[in-house]
């Protein structure tokens, strides 16, 4: 068993974490687009499988 004196203490902010938003350069997408593209690809593949595949 680990020694209690060597264990790290809890955060001083009461367990709450702070997230800082850093503006980085890069390509940004709306989350709705990120979710809708895979869903639409799945739907298209199901439609192709049902109607066009032998």
N, C-alpha and C. Protein backbone atom coordinates (compact mmCIF):
# COMPACT_ATOMS: atom_id res chain seq x y z
N UNK A 1 0.83 -1.18 0.00
CA UNK A 1 0.00 0.00 0.00
C UNK A 1 0.88 1.25 0.00
N UNK A 2 0.45 2.26 -0.69
CA UNK A 2 1.23 3.49 -0.78
C UNK A 2 1.15 4.27 0.52
N UNK A 3 2.20 4.97 0.79
CA UNK A 3 2.26 5.80 1.98
C UNK A 3 1.35 7.01 1.80
N UNK A 4 0.54 7.34 2.80
CA UNK A 4 -0.39 8.46 2.68
C UNK A 4 0.32 9.79 2.54
N UNK A 5 1.53 9.89 3.07
CA UNK A 5 2.26 11.15 2.98
C UNK A 5 2.75 11.42 1.56
N UNK A 6 2.91 10.38 0.74
CA UNK A 6 3.41 10.58 -0.61
C UNK A 6 2.29 10.80 -1.62
N UNK A 7 1.04 10.61 -1.20
CA UNK A 7 -0.08 10.80 -2.12
C UNK A 7 -0.31 12.29 -2.37
N UNK A 8 -0.66 12.66 -3.61
CA UNK A 8 -0.89 14.09 -3.89
C UNK A 8 -2.16 14.59 -3.23
N UNK A 9 -2.13 15.83 -2.85
CA UNK A 9 -3.29 16.45 -2.23
C UNK A 9 -4.33 16.83 -3.29
N UNK A 10 -5.60 16.95 -2.92
CA UNK A 10 -6.60 17.38 -3.90
C UNK A 10 -6.36 18.82 -4.34
N UNK A 11 -6.95 19.16 -5.46
CA UNK A 11 -6.76 20.51 -6.01
C UNK A 11 -7.35 21.55 -5.05
N UNK A 12 -6.75 22.70 -5.02
CA UNK A 12 -7.18 23.74 -4.09
C UNK A 12 -8.48 24.40 -4.53
N UNK A 13 -8.91 24.15 -5.76
CA UNK A 13 -10.14 24.79 -6.26
C UNK A 13 -11.37 23.93 -5.99
N UNK A 14 -11.28 23.01 -5.06
CA UNK A 14 -12.43 22.21 -4.70
C UNK A 14 -12.79 21.18 -5.75
N UNK A 15 -11.84 20.73 -6.53
CA UNK A 15 -12.10 19.73 -7.55
C UNK A 15 -12.57 20.31 -8.87
N UNK A 16 -12.78 21.61 -8.93
CA UNK A 16 -13.19 22.23 -10.18
C UNK A 16 -11.98 22.49 -11.05
N UNK A 17 -12.16 22.29 -12.34
CA UNK A 17 -11.05 22.52 -13.26
C UNK A 17 -11.36 23.75 -14.09
N UNK A 18 -10.33 24.48 -14.41
CA UNK A 18 -10.49 25.64 -15.28
C UNK A 18 -9.93 25.31 -16.65
N UNK A 19 -10.70 25.64 -17.66
CA UNK A 19 -10.26 25.43 -19.02
C UNK A 19 -10.06 26.78 -19.67
N UNK A 20 -8.91 26.96 -20.26
CA UNK A 20 -8.62 28.20 -20.94
C UNK A 20 -8.74 27.97 -22.43
N UNK A 21 -9.44 28.87 -23.08
CA UNK A 21 -9.62 28.73 -24.51
C UNK A 21 -8.48 29.45 -25.22
N UNK A 22 -7.65 28.68 -25.84
CA UNK A 22 -6.54 29.23 -26.61
C UNK A 22 -6.96 29.28 -28.07
N UNK A 23 -6.81 30.44 -28.65
CA UNK A 23 -7.10 30.57 -30.06
C UNK A 23 -5.91 30.05 -30.84
N UNK A 24 -6.14 28.99 -31.58
CA UNK A 24 -5.08 28.42 -32.39
C UNK A 24 -5.43 28.56 -33.86
N UNK A 25 -4.40 28.63 -34.67
CA UNK A 25 -4.62 28.71 -36.10
C UNK A 25 -5.01 27.33 -36.60
N UNK A 26 -5.91 27.31 -37.53
CA UNK A 26 -6.31 26.04 -38.10
C UNK A 26 -7.72 26.10 -38.64
N UNK A 27 -8.13 24.98 -39.19
CA UNK A 27 -9.44 24.87 -39.81
C UNK A 27 -10.47 24.57 -38.74
N UNK A 28 -11.52 25.37 -38.66
CA UNK A 28 -12.54 25.18 -37.64
C UNK A 28 -13.86 24.82 -38.30
N UNK A 29 -14.55 23.83 -37.73
CA UNK A 29 -15.84 23.38 -38.23
C UNK A 29 -16.87 23.51 -37.13
N UNK A 30 -18.10 23.73 -37.54
CA UNK A 30 -19.21 23.73 -36.61
C UNK A 30 -19.45 22.30 -36.14
N UNK A 31 -19.71 22.07 -34.86
CA UNK A 31 -19.94 20.71 -34.38
C UNK A 31 -21.12 20.01 -35.06
N UNK A 32 -22.10 20.78 -35.51
CA UNK A 32 -23.24 20.17 -36.21
C UNK A 32 -22.80 19.52 -37.51
N UNK A 33 -21.85 20.14 -38.19
CA UNK A 33 -21.33 19.58 -39.44
C UNK A 33 -20.52 18.32 -39.14
N UNK A 34 -19.74 18.35 -38.09
CA UNK A 34 -18.91 17.20 -37.74
C UNK A 34 -19.78 15.98 -37.41
N UNK A 35 -20.92 16.19 -36.78
CA UNK A 35 -21.81 15.09 -36.44
C UNK A 35 -22.64 14.66 -37.64
N UNK A 36 -23.08 15.61 -38.46
CA UNK A 36 -23.98 15.28 -39.56
C UNK A 36 -23.29 14.56 -40.72
N UNK A 37 -22.02 14.80 -40.95
CA UNK A 37 -21.32 14.14 -42.06
C UNK A 37 -21.25 12.62 -41.85
N UNK A 38 -20.82 12.10 -40.72
CA UNK A 38 -20.81 10.64 -40.56
C UNK A 38 -22.21 10.02 -40.58
N UNK A 39 -23.18 10.72 -40.00
CA UNK A 39 -24.55 10.20 -40.01
C UNK A 39 -25.07 10.12 -41.43
N UNK A 40 -24.80 11.13 -42.24
CA UNK A 40 -25.27 11.10 -43.62
C UNK A 40 -24.55 10.04 -44.43
N UNK A 41 -23.27 9.81 -44.18
CA UNK A 41 -22.55 8.75 -44.87
C UNK A 41 -23.11 7.37 -44.51
N UNK A 42 -23.47 7.17 -43.27
CA UNK A 42 -24.08 5.91 -42.86
C UNK A 42 -25.43 5.73 -43.53
N UNK A 43 -26.23 6.79 -43.57
CA UNK A 43 -27.54 6.71 -44.22
C UNK A 43 -27.41 6.42 -45.71
N UNK A 44 -26.47 7.06 -46.38
CA UNK A 44 -26.27 6.81 -47.81
C UNK A 44 -25.81 5.38 -48.05
N UNK A 45 -24.94 4.87 -47.21
CA UNK A 45 -24.48 3.50 -47.38
C UNK A 45 -25.61 2.50 -47.15
N UNK A 46 -26.51 2.77 -46.21
CA UNK A 46 -27.67 1.89 -45.99
C UNK A 46 -28.62 1.93 -47.19
N UNK A 47 -28.82 3.12 -47.74
CA UNK A 47 -29.71 3.25 -48.91
C UNK A 47 -29.12 2.51 -50.11
N UNK A 48 -27.84 2.66 -50.32
CA UNK A 48 -27.19 1.93 -51.43
C UNK A 48 -27.30 0.44 -51.21
N UNK A 49 -27.10 0.00 -49.98
CA UNK A 49 -27.17 -1.43 -49.67
C UNK A 49 -28.58 -1.97 -49.87
N UNK A 50 -29.59 -1.21 -49.50
CA UNK A 50 -30.97 -1.68 -49.59
C UNK A 50 -31.51 -1.66 -51.03
N UNK A 51 -31.22 -0.63 -51.79
CA UNK A 51 -31.87 -0.45 -53.07
C UNK A 51 -31.00 -0.80 -54.27
N UNK A 52 -29.71 -0.62 -54.19
CA UNK A 52 -28.88 -0.76 -55.38
C UNK A 52 -27.97 -1.99 -55.36
N UNK A 53 -27.67 -2.51 -54.21
CA UNK A 53 -26.78 -3.68 -54.15
C UNK A 53 -27.61 -4.94 -54.39
N UNK A 54 -27.05 -5.91 -55.14
CA UNK A 54 -27.81 -7.13 -55.42
C UNK A 54 -27.92 -8.05 -54.22
